PDB file of N, CA and C in Angstrom:
ATOM      1  N   MET A   1     -14.637 -72.310-122.525  1.00  0.00           N
ATOM      2  CA  MET A   1     -13.422 -72.927-122.047  1.00  0.00           C
ATOM      3  C   MET A   1     -12.275 -72.740-123.034  1.00  0.00           C
ATOM      4  N   ALA A   2     -12.534 -73.014-124.301  1.00  0.00           N
ATOM      5  CA  ALA A   2     -11.485 -72.910-125.316  1.00  0.00           C
ATOM      6  C   ALA A   2     -11.019 -71.467-125.477  1.00  0.00           C
ATOM      7  N   LYS A   3     -11.966 -70.522-125.454  1.00  0.00           N
ATOM      8  CA  LYS A   3     -11.597 -69.114-125.620  1.00  0.00           C
ATOM      9  C   LYS A   3     -10.756 -68.616-124.453  1.00  0.00           C
ATOM     10  N   LYS A   4     -11.137 -69.019-123.244  1.00  0.00           N
ATOM     11  CA  LYS A   4     -10.376 -68.622-122.060  1.00  0.00           C
ATOM     12  C   LYS A   4      -8.960 -69.186-122.123  1.00  0.00           C
ATOM     13  N   PHE A   5      -8.854 -70.450-122.480  1.00  0.00           N
ATOM     14  CA  PHE A   5      -7.551 -71.097-122.617  1.00  0.00           C
ATOM     15  C   PHE A   5      -6.710 -70.389-123.674  1.00  0.00           C
ATOM     16  N   ALA A   6      -7.310 -70.127-124.843  1.00  0.00           N
ATOM     17  CA  ALA A   6      -6.589 -69.450-125.930  1.00  0.00           C
ATOM     18  C   ALA A   6      -6.092 -68.084-125.478  1.00  0.00           C
ATOM     19  N   SER A   7      -6.900 -67.382-124.720  1.00  0.00           N
ATOM     20  CA  SER A   7      -6.502 -66.061-124.222  1.00  0.00           C
ATOM     21  C   SER A   7      -5.278 -66.156-123.314  1.00  0.00           C
ATOM     22  N   GLU A   8      -5.266 -67.138-122.433  1.00  0.00           N
ATOM     23  CA  GLU A   8      -4.117 -67.320-121.537  1.00  0.00           C
ATOM     24  C   GLU A   8      -2.864 -67.734-122.302  1.00  0.00           C
ATOM     25  N   ILE A   9      -3.032 -68.599-123.288  1.00  0.00           N
ATOM     26  CA  ILE A   9      -1.896 -69.037-124.105  1.00  0.00           C
ATOM     27  C   ILE A   9      -1.331 -67.856-124.901  1.00  0.00           C
ATOM     28  N   LYS A  10      -2.203 -67.013-125.417  1.00  0.00           N
ATOM     29  CA  LYS A  10      -1.741 -65.839-126.175  1.00  0.00           C
ATOM     30  C   LYS A  10      -0.881 -64.935-125.304  1.00  0.00           C
ATOM     31  N   LYS A  11      -1.283 -64.722-124.072  1.00  0.00           N
ATOM     32  CA  LYS A  11      -0.505 -63.876-123.153  1.00  0.00           C
ATOM     33  C   LYS A  11       0.862 -64.491-122.848  1.00  0.00           C
ATOM     34  N   ALA A  12       0.884 -65.790-122.639  1.00  0.00           N
ATOM     35  CA  ALA A  12       2.116 -66.460-122.211  1.00  0.00           C
ATOM     36  C   ALA A  12       3.084 -66.778-123.342  1.00  0.00           C
ATOM     37  N   PHE A  13       2.564 -67.125-124.531  1.00  0.00           N
ATOM     38  CA  PHE A  13       3.423 -67.650-125.592  1.00  0.00           C
ATOM     39  C   PHE A  13       3.394 -66.852-126.894  1.00  0.00           C
ATOM     40  N   GLN A  14       2.564 -65.828-126.986  1.00  0.00           N
ATOM     41  CA  GLN A  14       2.427 -65.041-128.215  1.00  0.00           C
ATOM     42  C   GLN A  14       2.432 -65.941-129.461  1.00  0.00           C
ATOM     43  N   PRO A  15       1.508 -66.876-129.517  1.00  0.00           N
ATOM     44  CA  PRO A  15       1.515 -67.853-130.615  1.00  0.00           C
ATOM     45  C   PRO A  15       1.150 -67.249-131.962  1.00  0.00           C
ATOM     46  N   HIS A  16       1.666 -67.863-133.017  1.00  0.00           N
ATOM     47  CA  HIS A  16       1.278 -67.505-134.381  1.00  0.00           C
ATOM     48  C   HIS A  16      -0.099 -68.072-134.686  1.00  0.00           C
ATOM     49  N   LYS A  17      -0.390 -69.240-134.089  1.00  0.00           N
ATOM     50  CA  LYS A  17      -1.675 -69.904-134.306  1.00  0.00           C
ATOM     51  C   LYS A  17      -2.073 -70.690-133.073  1.00  0.00           C
ATOM     52  N   ILE A  18      -3.369 -70.699-132.819  1.00  0.00           N
ATOM     53  CA  ILE A  18      -3.989 -71.635-131.889  1.00  0.00           C
ATOM     54  C   ILE A  18      -5.187 -72.191-132.647  1.00  0.00           C
ATOM     55  N   ILE A  19      -5.206 -73.487-132.843  1.00  0.00           N
ATOM     56  CA  ILE A  19      -6.283 -74.120-133.606  1.00  0.00           C
ATOM     57  C   ILE A  19      -6.963 -75.160-132.728  1.00  0.00           C
ATOM     58  N   LEU A  20      -8.259 -75.011-132.539  1.00  0.00           N
ATOM     59  CA  LEU A  20      -9.071 -76.041-131.901  1.00  0.00           C
ATOM     60  C   LEU A  20      -9.526 -76.970-133.014  1.00  0.00           C
ATOM     61  N   PHE A  21      -9.319 -78.269-132.852  1.00  0.00           N
ATOM     62  CA  PHE A  21      -9.735 -79.210-133.896  1.00  0.00           C
ATOM     63  C   PHE A  21     -10.383 -80.434-133.264  1.00  0.00           C
ATOM     64  N   GLY A  22     -10.823 -81.337-134.078  1.00  0.00           N
ATOM     65  CA  GLY A  22     -11.469 -82.542-133.587  1.00  0.00           C
ATOM     66  C   GLY A  22     -12.950 -82.322-133.339  1.00  0.00           C
ATOM     67  N   SER A  23     -13.517 -83.167-132.500  1.00  0.00           N
ATOM     68  CA  SER A  23     -14.973 -83.145-132.293  1.00  0.00           C
ATOM     69  C   SER A  23     -15.473 -81.827-131.722  1.00  0.00           C
ATOM     70  N   ARG A  24     -14.692 -81.167-130.892  1.00  0.00           N
ATOM     71  CA  ARG A  24     -15.120 -79.872-130.330  1.00  0.00           C
ATOM     72  C   ARG A  24     -15.221 -78.806-131.426  1.00  0.00           C
ATOM     73  N   ALA A  25     -14.341 -78.836-132.376  1.00  0.00           N
ATOM     74  CA  ALA A  25     -14.392 -77.870-133.479  1.00  0.00           C
ATOM     75  C   ALA A  25     -15.517 -78.212-134.448  1.00  0.00           C
ATOM     76  N   ARG A  26     -15.740 -79.491-134.675  1.00  0.00           N
ATOM     77  CA  ARG A  26     -16.796 -79.917-135.602  1.00  0.00           C
ATOM     78  C   ARG A  26     -18.188 -79.798-135.003  1.00  0.00           C
ATOM     79  N   GLY A  27     -18.249 -79.790-133.664  1.00  0.00           N
ATOM     80  CA  GLY A  27     -19.544 -79.705-133.006  1.00  0.00           C
ATOM     81  C   GLY A  27     -20.220 -81.046-132.806  1.00  0.00           C
ATOM     82  N   ASP A  28     -19.491 -82.137-133.025  1.00  0.00           N
ATOM     83  CA  ASP A  28     -20.089 -83.461-132.812  1.00  0.00           C
ATOM     84  C   ASP A  28     -19.524 -84.143-131.558  1.00  0.00           C
ATOM     85  N   ASN A  29     -19.104 -83.323-130.617  1.00  0.00           N
ATOM     86  CA  ASN A  29     -18.525 -83.817-129.379  1.00  0.00           C
ATOM     87  C   ASN A  29     -19.587 -84.270-128.376  1.00  0.00           C
ATOM     88  N   PHE A  30     -19.145 -85.057-127.436  1.00  0.00           N
ATOM     89  CA  PHE A  30     -19.945 -85.416-126.275  1.00  0.00           C
ATOM     90  C   PHE A  30     -19.593 -84.448-125.147  1.00  0.00           C
ATOM     91  N   LYS A  31     -20.377 -84.446-124.112  1.00  0.00           N
ATOM     92  CA  LYS A  31     -20.121 -83.562-122.972  1.00  0.00           C
ATOM     93  C   LYS A  31     -18.727 -83.798-122.387  1.00  0.00           C
ATOM     94  N   THR A  32     -18.273 -85.038-122.424  1.00  0.00           N
ATOM     95  CA  THR A  32     -16.983 -85.400-121.830  1.00  0.00           C
ATOM     96  C   THR A  32     -15.833 -85.451-122.839  1.00  0.00           C
ATOM     97  N   SER A  33     -16.089 -85.069-124.084  1.00  0.00           N
ATOM     98  CA  SER A  33     -15.025 -85.105-125.107  1.00  0.00           C
ATOM     99  C   SER A  33     -13.892 -84.155-124.735  1.00  0.00           C
ATOM    100  N   ASP A  34     -12.677 -84.574-125.045  1.00  0.00           N
ATOM    101  CA  ASP A  34     -11.529 -83.721-124.761  1.00  0.00           C
ATOM    102  C   ASP A  34     -11.460 -82.562-125.752  1.00  0.00           C
ATOM    103  N   PHE A  35     -10.590 -81.624-125.452  1.00  0.00           N
ATOM    104  CA  PHE A  35     -10.310 -80.491-126.328  1.00  0.00           C
ATOM    105  C   PHE A  35      -8.966 -80.756-126.994  1.00  0.00           C
ATOM    106  N   ASP A  36      -8.922 -80.617-128.315  1.00  0.00           N
ATOM    107  CA  ASP A  36      -7.693 -80.840-129.087  1.00  0.00           C
ATOM    108  C   ASP A  36      -7.221 -79.511-129.668  1.00  0.00           C
ATOM    109  N   PHE A  37      -5.968 -79.168-129.414  1.00  0.00           N
ATOM    110  CA  PHE A  37      -5.401 -77.921-129.896  1.00  0.00           C
ATOM    111  C   PHE A  37      -4.079 -78.156-130.614  1.00  0.00           C
ATOM    112  N   VAL A  38      -3.819 -77.321-131.618  1.00  0.00           N
ATOM    113  CA  VAL A  38      -2.483 -77.149-132.169  1.00  0.00           C
ATOM    114  C   VAL A  38      -2.075 -75.733-131.786  1.00  0.00           C
ATOM    115  N   ILE A  39      -0.908 -75.604-131.186  1.00  0.00           N
ATOM    116  CA  ILE A  39      -0.398 -74.300-130.764  1.00  0.00           C
ATOM    117  C   ILE A  39       0.953 -74.097-131.431  1.00  0.00           C
ATOM    118  N   VAL A  40       1.098 -72.967-132.119  1.00  0.00           N
ATOM    119  CA  VAL A  40       2.319 -72.678-132.865  1.00  0.00           C
ATOM    120  C   VAL A  40       2.942 -71.404-132.308  1.00  0.00           C
ATOM    121  N   SER A  41       4.170 -71.516-131.810  1.00  0.00           N
ATOM    122  CA  SER A  41       4.833 -70.352-131.211  1.00  0.00           C
ATOM    123  C   SER A  41       6.348 -70.450-131.361  1.00  0.00           C
ATOM    124  N   LYS A  42       6.971 -69.317-131.610  1.00  0.00           N
ATOM    125  CA  LYS A  42       8.432 -69.259-131.648  1.00  0.00           C
ATOM    126  C   LYS A  42       9.024 -69.546-130.271  1.00  0.00           C
ATOM    127  N   LYS A  43       8.259 -69.297-129.225  1.00  0.00           N
ATOM    128  CA  LYS A  43       8.761 -69.544-127.863  1.00  0.00           C
ATOM    129  C   LYS A  43       9.044 -71.019-127.598  1.00  0.00           C
ATOM    130  N   PHE A  44       8.540 -71.893-128.445  1.00  0.00           N
ATOM    131  CA  PHE A  44       8.801 -73.323-128.285  1.00  0.00           C
ATOM    132  C   PHE A  44      10.171 -73.731-128.842  1.00  0.00           C
ATOM    133  N   GLU A  45      10.857 -72.825-129.511  1.00  0.00           N
ATOM    134  CA  GLU A  45      12.114 -73.181-130.177  1.00  0.00           C
ATOM    135  C   GLU A  45      13.172 -73.722-129.225  1.00  0.00           C
ATOM    136  N   GLU A  46      13.231 -73.217-128.024  1.00  0.00           N
ATOM    137  CA  GLU A  46      14.264 -73.637-127.070  1.00  0.00           C
ATOM    138  C   GLU A  46      13.755 -74.671-126.067  1.00  0.00           C
ATOM    139  N   ILE A  47      12.531 -75.141-126.261  1.00  0.00           N
ATOM    140  CA  ILE A  47      11.930 -76.085-125.321  1.00  0.00           C
ATOM    141  C   ILE A  47      11.791 -77.444-126.002  1.00  0.00           C
ATOM    142  N   PRO A  48      12.317 -78.506-125.408  1.00  0.00           N
ATOM    143  CA  PRO A  48      12.148 -79.839-126.001  1.00  0.00           C
ATOM    144  C   PRO A  48      10.665 -80.152-126.214  1.00  0.00           C
ATOM    145  N   PHE A  49      10.371 -80.867-127.280  1.00  0.00           N
ATOM    146  CA  PHE A  49       9.006 -81.128-127.697  1.00  0.00           C
ATOM    147  C   PHE A  49       8.137 -81.658-126.560  1.00  0.00           C
ATOM    148  N   ILE A  50       8.606 -82.637-125.843  1.00  0.00           N
ATOM    149  CA  ILE A  50       7.818 -83.292-124.791  1.00  0.00           C
ATOM    150  C   ILE A  50       7.544 -82.346-123.618  1.00  0.00           C
ATOM    151  N   GLN A  51       8.418 -81.413-123.358  1.00  0.00           N
ATOM    152  CA  GLN A  51       8.240 -80.468-122.255  1.00  0.00           C
ATOM    153  C   GLN A  51       7.230 -79.369-122.588  1.00  0.00           C
ATOM    154  N   ARG A  52       7.002 -79.134-123.849  1.00  0.00           N
ATOM    155  CA  ARG A  52       6.053 -78.091-124.256  1.00  0.00           C
ATOM    156  C   ARG A  52       4.663 -78.388-123.732  1.00  0.00           C
ATOM    157  N   LEU A  53       4.239 -79.623-123.863  1.00  0.00           N
ATOM    158  CA  LEU A  53       2.907 -80.009-123.422  1.00  0.00           C
ATOM    159  C   LEU A  53       2.762 -79.820-121.913  1.00  0.00           C
ATOM    160  N   ALA A  54       3.775 -80.151-121.162  1.00  0.00           N
ATOM    161  CA  ALA A  54       3.729 -79.961-119.711  1.00  0.00           C
ATOM    162  C   ALA A  54       3.518 -78.488-119.366  1.00  0.00           C
ATOM    163  N   LEU A  55       4.159 -77.611-120.102  1.00  0.00           N
ATOM    164  CA  LEU A  55       3.965 -76.172-119.888  1.00  0.00           C
ATOM    165  C   LEU A  55       2.537 -75.754-120.202  1.00  0.00           C
ATOM    166  N   ILE A  56       2.009 -76.249-121.295  1.00  0.00           N
ATOM    167  CA  ILE A  56       0.657 -75.892-121.734  1.00  0.00           C
ATOM    168  C   ILE A  56      -0.380 -76.348-120.715  1.00  0.00           C
ATOM    169  N   TYR A  57      -0.191 -77.523-120.134  1.00  0.00           N
ATOM    170  CA  TYR A  57      -1.142 -78.034-119.144  1.00  0.00           C
ATOM    171  C   TYR A  57      -1.332 -77.063-117.974  1.00  0.00           C
ATOM    172  N   ASN A  58      -0.315 -76.275-117.681  1.00  0.00           N
ATOM    173  CA  ASN A  58      -0.429 -75.301-116.582  1.00  0.00           C
ATOM    174  C   ASN A  58      -1.486 -74.237-116.843  1.00  0.00           C
ATOM    175  N   TYR A  59      -1.906 -74.077-118.076  1.00  0.00           N
ATOM    176  CA  TYR A  59      -2.882 -73.048-118.442  1.00  0.00           C
ATOM    177  C   TYR A  59      -4.286 -73.610-118.635  1.00  0.00           C
ATOM    178  N   TRP A  60      -4.458 -74.901-118.448  1.00  0.00           N
ATOM    179  CA  TRP A  60      -5.763 -75.548-118.604  1.00  0.00           C
ATOM    180  C   TRP A  60      -6.316 -75.821-117.208  1.00  0.00           C
ATOM    181  N   HIS A  61      -7.448 -75.207-116.889  1.00  0.00           N
ATOM    182  CA  HIS A  61      -7.985 -75.295-115.534  1.00  0.00           C
ATOM    183  C   HIS A  61      -9.355 -75.963-115.499  1.00  0.00           C
ATOM    184  N   GLU A  62      -9.584 -76.894-116.391  1.00  0.00           N
ATOM    185  CA  GLU A  62     -10.887 -77.559-116.500  1.00  0.00           C
ATOM    186  C   GLU A  62     -10.756 -79.035-116.133  1.00  0.00           C
ATOM    187  N   ASP A  63     -11.883 -79.642-115.814  1.00  0.00           N
ATOM    188  CA  ASP A  63     -11.899 -81.072-115.483  1.00  0.00           C
ATOM    189  C   ASP A  63     -11.877 -81.960-116.727  1.00  0.00           C
ATOM    190  N   ILE A  64     -12.231 -81.403-117.865  1.00  0.00           N
ATOM    191  CA  ILE A  64     -12.227 -82.147-119.129  1.00  0.00           C
ATOM    192  C   ILE A  64     -10.796 -82.207-119.652  1.00  0.00           C
ATOM    193  N   ASP A  65     -10.429 -83.323-120.254  1.00  0.00           N
ATOM    194  CA  ASP A  65      -9.069 -83.520-120.757  1.00  0.00           C
ATOM    195  C   ASP A  65      -8.744 -82.579-121.917  1.00  0.00           C
ATOM    196  N   ILE A  66      -7.458 -82.351-122.073  1.00  0.00           N
ATOM    197  CA  ILE A  66      -6.938 -81.557-123.192  1.00  0.00           C
ATOM    198  C   ILE A  66      -5.815 -82.348-123.857  1.00  0.00           C
ATOM    199  N   GLU A  67      -5.749 -82.228-125.168  1.00  0.00           N
ATOM    200  CA  GLU A  67      -4.622 -82.732-125.944  1.00  0.00           C
ATOM    201  C   GLU A  67      -4.093 -81.539-126.733  1.00  0.00           C
ATOM    202  N   ALA A  68      -2.809 -81.288-126.621  1.00  0.00           N
ATOM    203  CA  ALA A  68      -2.230 -80.159-127.338  1.00  0.00           C
ATOM    204  C   ALA A  68      -0.987 -80.620-128.082  1.00  0.00           C
ATOM    205  N   ILE A  69      -0.870 -80.167-129.313  1.00  0.00           N
ATOM    206  CA  ILE A  69       0.316 -80.410-130.125  1.00  0.00           C
ATOM    207  C   ILE A  69       0.986 -79.053-130.270  1.00  0.00           C
ATOM    208  N   CYS A  70       2.201 -78.939-129.784  1.00  0.00           N
ATOM    209  CA  CYS A  70       2.899 -77.653-129.713  1.00  0.00           C
ATOM    210  C   CYS A  70       4.088 -77.650-130.668  1.00  0.00           C
ATOM    211  N   TYR A  71       4.036 -76.758-131.646  1.00  0.00           N
ATOM    212  CA  TYR A  71       5.076 -76.682-132.671  1.00  0.00           C
ATOM    213  C   TYR A  71       5.677 -75.290-132.758  1.00  0.00           C
ATOM    214  N   THR A  72       6.916 -75.247-133.212  1.00  0.00           N
ATOM    215  CA  THR A  72       7.495 -73.987-133.654  1.00  0.00           C
ATOM    216  C   THR A  72       6.883 -73.680-135.026  1.00  0.00           C
ATOM    217  N   PRO A  73       7.007 -72.453-135.520  1.00  0.00           N
ATOM    218  CA  PRO A  73       6.480 -72.157-136.860  1.00  0.00           C
ATOM    219  C   PRO A  73       7.071 -73.049-137.949  1.00  0.00           C
ATOM    220  N   GLU A  74       8.356 -73.342-137.864  1.00  0.00           N
ATOM    221  CA  GLU A  74       9.004 -74.178-138.865  1.00  0.00           C
ATOM    222  C   GLU A  74       8.481 -75.610-138.810  1.00  0.00           C
ATOM    223  N   GLU A  75       8.338 -76.141-137.599  1.00  0.00           N
ATOM    224  CA  GLU A  75       7.797 -77.489-137.443  1.00  0.00           C
ATOM    225  C   GLU A  75       6.374 -77.565-137.992  1.00  0.00           C
ATOM    226  N   PHE A  76       5.585 -76.549-137.685  1.00  0.00           N
ATOM    227  CA  PHE A  76       4.194 -76.524-138.135  1.00  0.00           C
ATOM    228  C   PHE A  76       4.114 -76.501-139.661  1.00  0.00           C
ATOM    229  N   THR A  77       4.935 -75.689-140.301  1.00  0.00           N
ATOM    230  CA  THR A  77       4.943 -75.615-141.760  1.00  0.00           C
ATOM    231  C   THR A  77       5.256 -76.986-142.355  1.00  0.00           C
ATOM    232  N   ARG A  78       6.254 -77.637-141.810  1.00  0.00           N
ATOM    233  CA  ARG A  78       6.639 -78.969-142.302  1.00  0.00           C
ATOM    234  C   ARG A  78       5.549 -80.002-142.019  1.00  0.00           C
ATOM    235  N   LYS A  79       5.060 -80.037-140.798  1.00  0.00           N
ATOM    236  CA  LYS A  79       4.067 -81.040-140.408  1.00  0.00           C
ATOM    237  C   LYS A  79       2.726 -80.837-141.108  1.00  0.00           C
ATOM    238  N   SER A  80       2.366 -79.598-141.398  1.00  0.00           N
ATOM    239  CA  SER A  80       1.075 -79.351-142.049  1.00  0.00           C
ATOM    240  C   SER A  80       1.061 -79.841-143.489  1.00  0.00           C
ATOM    241  N   LYS A  81       2.229 -80.095-144.035  1.00  0.00           N
ATOM    242  CA  LYS A  81       2.325 -80.640-145.393  1.00  0.00           C
ATOM    243  C   LYS A  81       2.360 -82.161-145.403  1.00  0.00           C
ATOM    244  N   GLU A  82       2.781 -82.772-144.292  1.00  0.00           N
ATOM    245  CA  GLU A  82       3.009 -84.218-144.318  1.00  0.00           C
ATOM    246  C   GLU A  82       2.186 -85.021-143.315  1.00  0.00           C
ATOM    247  N   HIS A  83       1.675 -84.429-142.299  1.00  0.00           N
ATOM    248  CA  HIS A  83       1.013 -85.161-141.224  1.00  0.00           C
ATOM    249  C   HIS A  83      -0.505 -85.012-141.312  1.00  0.00           C
ATOM    250  N   GLY A  84      -1.221 -86.124-141.429  1.00  0.00           N
ATOM    251  CA  GLY A  84      -2.670 -86.115-141.617  1.00  0.00           C
ATOM    252  C   GLY A  84      -3.434 -85.387-140.535  1.00  0.00           C
ATOM    253  N   THR A  85      -3.050 -85.587-139.281  1.00  0.00           N
ATOM    254  CA  THR A  85      -3.753 -84.934-138.179  1.00  0.00           C
ATOM    255  C   THR A  85      -3.638 -83.424-138.283  1.00  0.00           C
ATOM    256  N   ILE A  86      -2.464 -82.929-138.602  1.00  0.00           N
ATOM    257  CA  ILE A  86      -2.251 -81.480-138.696  1.00  0.00           C
ATOM    258  C   ILE A  86      -2.957 -80.923-139.926  1.00  0.00           C
ATOM    259  N   LYS A  87      -2.916 -81.642-141.035  1.00  0.00           N
ATOM    260  CA  LYS A  87      -3.653 -81.215-142.233  1.00  0.00           C
ATOM    261  C   LYS A  87      -5.132 -81.064-141.908  1.00  0.00           C
ATOM    262  N   ASN A  88      -5.698 -82.044-141.200  1.00  0.00           N
ATOM    263  CA  ASN A  88      -7.110 -81.982-140.821  1.00  0.00           C
ATOM    264  C   ASN A  88      -7.387 -80.825-139.872  1.00  0.00           C
ATOM    265  N   ALA A  89      -6.488 -80.593-138.941  1.00  0.00           N
ATOM    266  CA  ALA A  89      -6.663 -79.484-138.000  1.00  0.00           C
ATOM    267  C   ALA A  89      -6.724 -78.150-138.742  1.00  0.00           C
ATOM    268  N   VAL A  90      -5.844 -77.975-139.711  1.00  0.00           N
ATOM    269  CA  VAL A  90      -5.826 -76.736-140.497  1.00  0.00           C
ATOM    270  C   VAL A  90      -7.103 -76.616-141.320  1.00  0.00           C
ATOM    271  N   ARG A  91      -7.528 -77.709-141.914  1.00  0.00           N
ATOM    272  CA  ARG A  91      -8.700 -77.698-142.795  1.00  0.00           C
ATOM    273  C   ARG A  91     -10.013 -77.538-142.014  1.00  0.00           C
ATOM    274  N   GLU A  92     -10.151 -78.258-140.913  1.00  0.00           N
ATOM    275  CA  GLU A  92     -11.425 -78.312-140.198  1.00  0.00           C
ATOM    276  C   GLU A  92     -11.465 -77.494-138.910  1.00  0.00           C
ATOM    277  N   GLY A  93     -10.315 -77.043-138.454  1.00  0.00           N
ATOM    278  CA  GLY A  93     -10.243 -76.425-137.137  1.00  0.00           C
ATOM    279  C   GLY A  93     -10.748 -75.000-137.068  1.00  0.00           C
ATOM    280  N   ILE A  94     -10.850 -74.530-135.851  1.00  0.00           N
ATOM    281  CA  ILE A  94     -11.246 -73.154-135.553  1.00  0.00           C
ATOM    282  C   ILE A  94     -10.016 -72.454-135.011  1.00  0.00           C
ATOM    283  N   GLU A  95      -9.625 -71.378-135.657  1.00  0.00           N
ATOM    284  CA  GLU A  95      -8.429 -70.650-135.235  1.00  0.00           C
ATOM    285  C   GLU A  95      -8.803 -69.516-134.292  1.00  0.00           C
ATOM    286  N   PHE A  96      -8.026 -69.405-133.214  1.00  0.00           N
ATOM    287  CA  PHE A  96      -8.220 -68.325-132.232  1.00  0.00           C
ATOM    288  C   PHE A  96      -7.181 -67.249-132.433  1.00  0.00           C
TER     289      PHE A  96
END
């Protein structure tokens, strides 16, 4: 599921990074656990932050929930230095 999603996101947004993090990346997930992603793309520069997630949802075709954090490269650089969730995603996540 994650690989298929990452492939579709790569085609649509040419991201610098796609990181799967959380329980799915660690392997301690339940069958119903959601998928957590950080997606970094220059294409997000002209899109308001809240609208980015709505766009990403169009590429997720599974019954299991998804949570995605969508940043521009500049936002990601800043947030990866100051935000605990993003630091953990970089440290523990799986990059596609």
